[in-house]
Amino acid sequence: MSQLCSLAKCNRTSRGLCDCCKQNLCLQHLTEHNASLLSQISPLTDTINALGERLQTLYTEGITANCYLKLEYWRVECHQKIDRFFEQQCQQVNDLIDTKVRLQKEEIDRVRTKVVEIVREQEITQKDLDSLVSTVRSLEATINKIEQTTLQINFRGFELDDECVTISEKNSSEIDISKVFNNCKTFNSANGSYSVLACNEQYLLIHTNPNLCLVNRDMKVVKQILWTHDKIYDMCWSATLDKFILIEKYNIYIVDKDISSMEVGQMIEKYKWLSCTCSDTCLFLLVDTSPPWIGCYSISSSMELIQKWQVFEKSSTDIVDDIVYRHGMLAMTVQNTQKTDVRIELRSVETLTCVWSLTLDMFSINESIFRCCAITCNEWIVVDYKNNRLIHVTANGEIKNTIAYHSTPRRAILFEPNLLVVITRKGTQFHQL
């Protein structure tokens, strides 16, 4: 006797076992189940294509680009070291011969002067003549020896071992600031140092009175120059210019990545600057006025003003302390002088529209400035120096974690994906997370 379709209210004869539901179904329901499975292919294909495009983007932009940049920095630095060593050896070769030649020239000049004097006075003894002849013969012998001199250079092959560069896979992950004290080292700064930080892929730029210093990941000063200008209010790195940008109260300085030279930004109007940050195409400058405004300047030799935003209404009691750019957004710390509260806001750089705003449990103080910094996963850290805390804020504007800091923090920056640097009253702290 034929078996009926297993589905309720279906009296048709079953034609086979359905692979997806493991039931005996009639031809119509088998066809419907097959069509249902096929209907899921189209969105699955779209997902596969999207994943393929995403993978391609990640590969070309998100993973290798940063590594290529670091390798390029390393390559340039190695070439510079070789060039410097080459120049030193060339100078040593020159010095080796030049010293001998210089000494003989001095002796010839001395003898020539003596001969001129004898000719002028028309008087000479046999002893003087013998002495001159002996000296000239000695000079001739020495010069003959110099002319026959050959230099031997011994080379030792330049070797690169596999330990010079190590490449390993490491997944970017969210930062857990509760681990900041697990591995902490201190870079001591002199009294009177400015609480400013900027970094590129290779070095951290800090001020330790009276110098501007480039510091590597091992906290070693690789170069320093004397800072003879006024107080530095803020500084940032421009990957487009491949230079650091520093702001004083009324001046802007563009500094080479190796801090070997700097120029004053003469093309920019002089305002009372407070904070700076860079995208790939723009330099954003916060002007300390009431109400505050932000200028967007082109990253080029002309530094032309592209856009000017008044952040708040004229009647507002809000003031902006700090601005930080990340992925098309500007984060800013804001104080309300009337309510004496502090908040962090995230705004679009296209229109300065507020994406989210988070009021923090801290109170503003006269003449105080609260700073923030960008970290991984589009998240943020607010530096609460009044209460000695670091406040971790998520990408959607929620408090993720708050930790008590052992000293008074003033600034913070993420030097590497797992290296947080914090300036305090006692020095600069390097936290391996």
Protein backbone atom coordinates (compact mmCIF):
# COMPACT_ATOMS: atom_id res chain seq x y z
CA MET A 1 0.00 0.00 0.00
CA SER A 2 1.38 3.42 -0.99
CA GLN A 3 2.50 5.80 1.79
CA LEU A 4 0.88 9.22 2.02
CA CYS A 5 2.72 12.56 2.16
CA SER A 6 3.90 13.24 5.72
CA LEU A 7 2.68 16.85 5.77
CA ALA A 8 -0.61 17.49 7.54
CA LYS A 9 -3.77 17.73 5.42
CA CYS A 10 -1.99 16.36 2.35
CA ASN A 11 -3.54 13.19 0.95
CA ARG A 12 -1.19 12.81 -1.99
CA THR A 13 1.05 9.82 -2.34
CA SER A 14 4.63 10.34 -1.19
CA ARG A 15 7.23 10.21 -3.92
CA GLY A 16 10.42 10.27 -1.90
CA LEU A 17 12.37 11.21 1.22
CA CYS A 18 13.06 14.96 1.44
CA ASP A 19 16.76 15.60 2.12
CA CYS A 20 16.17 18.78 4.14
CA CYS A 21 13.34 17.74 6.48
CA LYS A 22 13.85 13.94 6.38
CA GLN A 23 10.17 13.30 5.67
CA ASN A 24 8.38 11.36 2.94
CA LEU A 25 6.74 13.97 0.72
CA CYS A 26 4.60 14.09 -2.36
CA LEU A 27 5.95 15.45 -5.63
CA GLN A 28 4.42 18.91 -5.09
CA HIS A 29 5.90 19.35 -1.62
CA LEU A 30 9.23 17.97 -2.75
CA THR A 31 9.21 20.60 -5.50
CA GLU A 32 8.27 23.34 -3.00
CA HIS A 33 11.06 22.33 -0.61
CA ASN A 34 13.53 22.30 -3.47
CA ALA A 35 12.38 25.77 -4.57
CA SER A 36 12.74 27.01 -1.00
CA LEU A 37 16.32 25.80 -0.90
CA LEU A 38 17.07 27.35 -4.28
CA SER A 39 15.63 30.70 -3.16
CA GLN A 40 18.36 30.91 -0.54
CA ILE A 41 21.10 30.67 -3.17
CA SER A 42 20.65 34.23 -4.47
CA PRO A 43 21.20 36.04 -1.13
CA LEU A 44 24.00 33.59 -0.37
CA THR A 45 25.65 34.53 -3.66
CA ASP A 46 25.33 38.20 -2.74
CA THR A 47 26.94 37.50 0.62
CA ILE A 48 29.79 35.58 -1.02
CA ASN A 49 30.41 38.45 -3.45
CA ALA A 50 30.32 40.99 -0.61
CA LEU A 51 32.77 38.89 1.41
CA GLY A 52 35.05 38.66 -1.62
CA GLU A 53 35.04 42.44 -2.05
CA ARG A 54 35.54 42.92 1.67
CA LEU A 55 38.48 40.52 1.71
CA GLN A 56 40.07 42.29 -1.24
CA THR A 57 39.69 45.66 0.49
CA LEU A 58 41.08 44.32 3.75
CA TYR A 59 44.02 42.77 1.96
CA THR A 60 45.03 45.84 -0.02
CA GLU A 61 44.16 48.57 2.44
CA GLY A 62 43.70 47.25 5.92
CA ILE A 63 46.45 44.68 6.38
CA THR A 64 49.43 45.15 4.09
CA ALA A 65 49.49 48.94 3.63
CA ASN A 66 50.55 49.60 7.20
CA CYS A 67 53.21 46.89 7.03
CA TYR A 68 54.57 48.26 3.75
CA LEU A 69 54.86 51.69 5.34
CA LYS A 70 56.79 50.31 8.31
CA LEU A 71 59.09 48.32 6.01
CA GLU A 72 59.68 51.43 3.93
CA TYR A 73 60.67 53.40 7.03
CA TRP A 74 63.06 50.60 7.98
CA ARG A 75 64.54 50.45 4.46
CA VAL A 76 65.12 54.22 4.34
CA GLU A 77 66.69 54.20 7.80
CA CYS A 78 69.05 51.36 6.81
CA HIS A 79 70.05 53.16 3.61
CA GLN A 80 70.74 56.32 5.58
CA LYS A 81 72.95 54.40 8.01
CA ILE A 82 74.90 52.87 5.12
CA ASP A 83 75.26 56.28 3.44
CA ARG A 84 76.52 57.85 6.66
CA PHE A 85 79.02 55.03 7.17
CA PHE A 86 80.17 55.35 3.55
CA GLU A 87 80.73 59.10 3.97
CA GLN A 88 82.70 58.50 7.18
CA GLN A 89 85.00 56.01 5.44
CA CYS A 90 85.52 58.36 2.49
CA GLN A 91 86.44 61.11 4.91
CA GLN A 92 88.86 58.78 6.65
CA VAL A 93 90.56 58.03 3.31
CA ASN A 94 90.82 61.74 2.53
CA ASP A 95 92.14 62.56 5.98
CA LEU A 96 94.79 59.85 5.75
CA ILE A 97 96.41 61.39 2.65
CA ASP A 98 95.48 65.02 3.22
CA THR A 99 97.29 65.08 6.56
CA LYS A 100 100.53 63.90 4.96
CA VAL A 101 100.20 66.37 2.07
CA ARG A 102 99.35 69.26 4.40
CA LEU A 103 102.44 68.64 6.54
CA GLN A 104 104.70 68.63 3.48
CA LYS A 105 103.09 71.81 2.13
CA GLU A 106 103.79 73.52 5.43
CA GLU A 107 107.43 72.37 5.29
CA ILE A 108 107.80 73.57 1.68
CA ASP A 109 106.36 76.96 2.63
CA ARG A 110 108.84 77.19 5.51
CA VAL A 111 111.81 76.33 3.27
CA ARG A 112 110.60 78.69 0.52
CA THR A 113 110.37 81.51 3.03
CA LYS A 114 113.90 80.75 4.18
CA VAL A 115 115.23 80.81 0.60
CA VAL A 116 113.47 84.10 -0.15
CA GLU A 117 115.04 85.61 2.95
CA ILE A 118 118.55 84.43 1.90
CA VAL A 119 118.10 85.82 -1.62
CA ARG A 120 116.91 89.14 -0.21
CA GLU A 121 119.87 89.45 2.19
CA GLN A 122 122.41 87.99 -0.26
CA GLU A 123 124.18 86.20 2.56
CA ILE A 124 124.52 82.48 3.32
CA THR A 125 126.98 80.14 5.03
CA GLN A 126 128.03 76.70 3.88
CA LYS A 127 126.29 75.26 6.89
CA ASP A 128 123.03 76.98 5.95
CA LEU A 129 123.35 75.77 2.37
CA ASP A 130 123.98 72.18 3.46
CA SER A 131 120.97 72.37 5.74
CA LEU A 132 118.73 73.62 2.95
CA VAL A 133 119.94 70.95 0.54
CA SER A 134 119.34 68.27 3.16
CA THR A 135 115.86 69.59 3.85
CA VAL A 136 114.94 69.69 0.15
CA ARG A 137 116.20 66.13 -0.38
CA SER A 138 114.19 65.00 2.61
CA LEU A 139 111.09 66.71 1.21
CA GLU A 140 111.64 65.08 -2.16
CA ALA A 141 112.02 61.64 -0.58
CA THR A 142 108.87 62.11 1.48
CA ILE A 143 106.84 63.27 -1.53
CA ASN A 144 108.15 60.33 -3.57
CA LYS A 145 106.96 58.06 -0.79
CA ILE A 146 103.53 59.71 -0.73
CA GLU A 147 103.22 59.34 -4.51
CA GLN A 148 103.99 55.64 -4.21
CA THR A 149 101.52 55.15 -1.36
CA THR A 150 98.65 52.75 -1.93
CA LEU A 151 95.74 52.23 0.41
CA GLN A 152 94.36 48.83 1.16
CA ILE A 153 90.70 48.52 2.09
CA ASN A 154 89.45 45.35 3.68
CA PHE A 155 85.73 44.69 3.44
CA ARG A 156 83.61 42.45 5.55
CA GLY A 157 80.47 41.36 3.78
CA PHE A 158 77.30 43.17 4.84
CA GLU A 159 75.08 40.52 6.36
CA LEU A 160 71.38 40.61 7.14
CA ASP A 161 70.04 37.85 9.32
CA ASP A 162 66.43 36.77 9.65
CA GLU A 163 66.14 38.53 12.99
CA CYS A 164 66.50 42.00 11.44
CA VAL A 165 62.84 41.93 10.44
CA THR A 166 60.27 39.60 11.91
CA ILE A 167 56.74 39.39 10.55
CA SER A 168 54.03 37.63 12.47
CA GLU A 169 50.27 37.52 12.29
CA LYS A 170 48.40 39.47 14.91
CA ASN A 171 44.69 40.15 14.94
CA SER A 172 43.53 43.62 15.91
CA SER A 173 41.39 43.45 18.99
CA GLU A 174 39.67 45.73 21.41
CA ILE A 175 41.88 47.31 24.04
CA ASP A 176 41.35 46.41 27.67
CA ILE A 177 42.58 49.44 29.62
CA SER A 178 42.26 47.53 32.90
CA LYS A 179 45.57 45.87 31.91
CA VAL A 180 47.55 49.11 31.68
CA PHE A 181 49.54 48.38 34.83
CA ASN A 182 50.48 44.80 33.87
CA ASN A 183 53.45 45.99 31.81
CA CYS A 184 54.33 49.63 32.46
CA LYS A 185 57.60 51.51 31.90
CA THR A 186 58.41 55.14 32.66
CA PHE A 187 60.23 57.62 30.44
CA ASN A 188 61.40 60.43 32.70
CA SER A 189 60.77 64.00 31.58
CA ALA A 190 62.33 67.17 32.94
CA ASN A 191 60.33 69.72 34.89
CA GLY A 192 58.68 72.28 32.66
CA SER A 193 58.03 69.83 29.82
CA TYR A 194 54.88 70.39 27.76
CA SER A 195 52.15 67.73 27.91
CA VAL A 196 51.97 67.04 24.17
CA LEU A 197 52.21 63.83 22.14
CA ALA A 198 52.25 62.84 18.47
CA CYS A 199 53.43 59.70 16.69
CA ASN A 200 53.90 58.11 13.30
CA GLU A 201 54.52 54.47 12.46
CA GLN A 202 58.06 54.62 13.79
CA TYR A 203 58.56 57.26 16.46
CA LEU A 204 56.85 59.12 19.25
CA LEU A 205 57.36 62.89 19.36
CA ILE A 206 57.42 64.42 22.83
CA HIS A 207 58.74 67.51 24.57
CA THR A 208 61.11 67.05 27.47
CA ASN A 209 62.38 70.42 28.59
CA PRO A 210 64.17 72.02 26.81
CA ASN A 211 64.19 69.60 23.86
CA LEU A 212 61.87 68.17 21.26
CA CYS A 213 62.59 64.42 21.18
CA LEU A 214 61.95 61.48 18.87
CA VAL A 215 61.53 58.34 20.97
CA ASN A 216 61.28 54.76 19.71
CA ARG A 217 59.22 51.87 21.08
CA ASP A 218 62.04 50.97 23.47
CA MET A 219 61.88 54.47 25.02
CA LYS A 220 65.25 55.41 23.54
CA VAL A 221 65.77 58.96 22.31
CA VAL A 222 66.92 58.59 18.71
CA LYS A 223 67.15 62.33 18.07
CA GLN A 224 66.51 65.59 19.87
CA ILE A 225 66.64 69.28 19.06
CA LEU A 226 66.48 72.35 21.25
CA TRP A 227 62.99 73.91 21.30
CA THR A 228 63.49 77.67 21.44
CA HIS A 229 59.94 78.76 20.68
CA ASP A 230 56.90 79.32 22.90
CA LYS A 231 54.69 76.76 24.64
CA ILE A 232 53.43 73.91 22.44
CA TYR A 233 49.67 73.54 22.81
CA ASP A 234 49.19 70.49 20.60
CA MET A 235 50.79 68.50 17.80
CA CYS A 236 49.81 65.80 15.33
CA TRP A 237 51.22 63.69 12.51
CA SER A 238 50.31 64.19 8.84
CA ALA A 239 50.86 61.03 6.81
CA THR A 240 50.19 63.02 3.63
CA LEU A 241 52.92 65.58 4.33
CA ASP A 242 55.07 62.95 6.05
CA LYS A 243 55.67 65.59 8.72
CA PHE A 244 54.64 66.62 12.21
CA ILE A 245 52.49 69.70 12.79
CA LEU A 246 52.96 71.68 16.01
CA ILE A 247 50.89 74.60 17.24
CA GLU A 248 51.78 77.34 19.66
CA LYS A 249 49.28 79.90 20.87
CA TYR A 250 49.51 81.92 17.65
CA ASN A 251 51.98 80.03 15.43
CA ILE A 252 52.05 76.77 13.50
CA TYR A 253 55.23 74.81 12.76
CA ILE A 254 55.67 72.07 10.16
CA VAL A 255 58.46 69.75 11.30
CA ASP A 256 60.25 67.07 9.26
CA LYS A 257 59.70 63.49 10.39
CA ASP A 258 63.31 63.28 11.61
CA ILE A 259 62.97 66.76 13.25
CA SER A 260 66.01 67.89 11.26
CA SER A 261 64.26 71.03 10.06
CA MET A 262 61.06 73.00 10.52
CA GLU A 263 59.21 75.84 8.88
CA VAL A 264 56.62 78.28 10.14
CA GLY A 265 53.19 77.98 8.57
CA GLN A 266 53.19 81.51 7.19
CA MET A 267 50.30 80.77 4.86
CA ILE A 268 47.84 80.29 7.72
CA GLU A 269 46.11 83.22 9.41
CA LYS A 270 47.15 83.80 12.99
CA TYR A 271 44.48 82.87 15.49
CA LYS A 272 44.59 81.67 19.06
CA TRP A 273 45.11 77.95 18.38
CA LEU A 274 44.19 75.30 20.91
CA SER A 275 44.17 71.87 19.22
CA CYS A 276 45.04 70.22 15.90
CA THR A 277 44.40 66.91 14.14
CA CYS A 278 44.82 65.56 10.57
CA SER A 279 42.99 63.46 8.02
CA ASP A 280 44.58 62.40 4.72
CA THR A 281 43.39 65.59 3.03
CA CYS A 282 42.74 68.14 5.76
CA LEU A 283 44.30 69.78 8.79
CA PHE A 284 41.67 70.58 11.41
CA LEU A 285 42.48 73.45 13.76
CA LEU A 286 40.49 74.37 16.86
CA VAL A 287 40.41 78.12 17.52
CA ASP A 288 40.16 79.22 21.13
CA THR A 289 37.34 81.75 20.86
CA SER A 290 33.86 82.15 22.31
CA PRO A 291 32.01 80.49 20.74
CA PRO A 292 34.72 78.11 19.45
CA TRP A 293 35.14 77.33 15.77
CA ILE A 294 37.06 74.71 13.78
CA GLY A 295 38.90 75.41 10.54
CA CYS A 296 39.47 72.76 7.88
CA TYR A 297 42.65 73.53 5.90
CA SER A 298 43.96 71.72 2.83
CA ILE A 299 47.05 69.60 3.36
CA SER A 300 49.20 71.24 0.71
CA SER A 301 51.87 73.87 0.39
CA SER A 302 49.23 76.62 0.40
CA MET A 303 47.28 75.38 3.46
CA GLU A 304 44.12 77.07 2.17
CA LEU A 305 41.02 77.33 4.36
CA ILE A 306 38.39 74.95 2.94
CA GLN A 307 35.68 75.12 5.57
CA LYS A 308 34.99 76.99 8.77
CA TRP A 309 32.53 75.66 11.36
CA GLN A 310 31.14 77.47 14.36
CA VAL A 311 30.66 74.56 16.74
CA PHE A 312 27.98 76.09 18.99
CA GLU A 313 25.59 79.03 18.94
CA LYS A 314 26.87 82.39 20.11
CA SER A 315 24.77 82.19 23.26
CA SER A 316 26.14 78.74 24.16
CA THR A 317 28.20 78.26 27.32
CA ASP A 318 29.99 75.25 25.79
CA ILE A 319 33.70 75.33 25.02
CA VAL A 320 35.76 72.74 23.13
CA ASP A 321 39.00 71.49 24.71
CA ASP A 322 40.33 68.97 22.22
CA ILE A 323 39.66 67.53 18.75
CA VAL A 324 40.85 64.16 17.38
CA TYR A 325 40.21 62.81 13.86
CA ARG A 326 39.52 59.15 13.10
CA HIS A 327 37.85 57.52 10.06
CA GLY A 328 35.78 60.47 8.88
CA MET A 329 34.81 61.56 12.37
CA LEU A 330 35.94 64.23 14.81
CA ALA A 331 35.83 63.44 18.51
CA MET A 332 35.83 66.46 20.79
CA THR A 333 35.87 67.00 24.52
CA VAL A 334 33.45 69.73 25.57
CA GLN A 335 33.00 71.66 28.81
CA ASN A 336 29.89 73.58 29.80
CA THR A 337 30.96 76.56 31.87
CA GLN A 338 27.48 77.06 33.30
CA LYS A 339 26.63 73.49 34.23
CA THR A 340 30.32 72.73 34.90
CA ASP A 341 29.99 69.32 33.25
CA VAL A 342 32.22 67.59 30.69
CA ARG A 343 31.20 65.46 27.73
CA ILE A 344 32.69 63.80 24.65
CA GLU A 345 30.99 64.21 21.29
CA LEU A 346 31.49 62.47 17.95
CA ARG A 347 30.80 64.56 14.86
CA SER A 348 30.97 64.01 11.11
CA VAL A 349 33.77 65.93 9.41
CA GLU A 350 31.55 66.53 6.39
CA THR A 351 28.96 68.68 8.16
CA LEU A 352 30.04 68.63 11.81
CA THR A 353 26.70 66.98 12.59
CA CYS A 354 26.69 65.36 16.04
CA VAL A 355 26.57 61.54 15.82
CA TRP A 356 26.46 60.99 19.57
CA SER A 357 27.20 62.83 22.80
CA LEU A 358 28.16 61.33 26.16
CA THR A 359 28.14 63.33 29.40
CA LEU A 360 30.84 62.14 31.80
CA ASP A 361 30.80 62.08 35.59
CA MET A 362 33.37 64.82 35.99
CA PHE A 363 33.24 68.54 36.58
CA SER A 364 34.96 71.26 34.63
CA ILE A 365 37.42 73.61 36.26
CA ASN A 366 38.49 77.06 35.19
CA GLU A 367 41.61 77.06 33.00
CA SER A 368 41.42 73.25 32.69
CA ILE A 369 41.57 71.20 29.50
CA PHE A 370 40.31 67.63 29.15
CA ARG A 371 41.90 65.58 26.36
CA CYS A 372 40.93 62.44 24.46
CA CYS A 373 42.64 60.01 22.09
CA ALA A 374 41.58 57.48 19.46
CA ILE A 375 42.27 53.77 20.00
CA THR A 376 41.43 50.57 18.12
CA CYS A 377 37.94 49.58 16.92
CA ASN A 378 36.90 53.26 16.57
CA GLU A 379 36.88 53.63 20.35
CA TRP A 380 38.17 56.46 22.52
CA ILE A 381 39.91 57.24 25.79
CA VAL A 382 39.11 60.40 27.74
CA VAL A 383 41.86 61.60 30.08
CA ASP A 384 40.33 62.74 33.38
CA TYR A 385 43.22 64.44 35.13
CA LYS A 386 40.98 65.97 37.80
CA ASN A 387 40.00 62.55 39.19
CA ASN A 388 43.13 60.64 38.01
CA ARG A 389 41.20 58.36 35.67
CA LEU A 390 41.13 56.98 32.14
CA ILE A 391 37.63 56.58 30.69
CA HIS A 392 37.17 54.06 27.87
CA VAL A 393 34.32 55.04 25.49
CA THR A 394 32.90 52.67 22.86
CA ALA A 395 32.37 53.41 19.17
CA ASN A 396 28.67 54.11 19.78
CA GLY A 397 29.22 56.49 22.68
CA GLU A 398 28.90 54.38 25.81
CA ILE A 399 31.27 54.04 28.76
CA LYS A 400 33.03 50.70 28.48
CA ASN A 401 35.40 50.96 31.41
CA THR A 402 36.85 53.46 33.86
CA ILE A 403 40.12 52.88 35.68
CA ALA A 404 41.85 54.82 38.44
CA TYR A 405 45.29 55.94 37.29
CA HIS A 406 48.27 55.87 39.67
CA SER A 407 49.34 59.41 38.81
CA THR A 408 47.69 62.48 37.33
CA PRO A 409 47.22 61.76 33.59
CA ARG A 410 47.32 64.69 31.20
CA ARG A 411 47.49 63.23 27.71
CA ALA A 412 47.33 59.85 26.03
CA ILE A 413 48.04 58.44 22.59
CA LEU A 414 48.02 54.97 21.04
CA PHE A 415 51.55 54.53 19.70
CA GLU A 416 50.90 51.00 18.41
CA PRO A 417 47.75 48.83 18.46
CA ASN A 418 48.86 47.54 21.86
CA LEU A 419 51.07 50.35 23.19
CA LEU A 420 49.34 53.14 25.07
CA VAL A 421 51.44 56.16 26.06
CA VAL A 422 50.26 58.46 28.85
CA ILE A 423 51.84 61.73 29.97
CA THR A 424 51.61 62.33 33.71
CA ARG A 425 53.06 64.75 36.23
CA LYS A 426 55.85 62.27 36.95
CA GLY A 427 56.82 61.42 33.38
CA THR A 428 55.65 59.55 30.32
CA GLN A 429 54.26 56.05 30.87
CA PHE A 430 54.51 53.29 28.24
CA HIS A 431 51.78 50.66 28.74
CA GLN A 432 52.05 47.38 26.80
CA LEU A 433 48.46 46.12 26.60
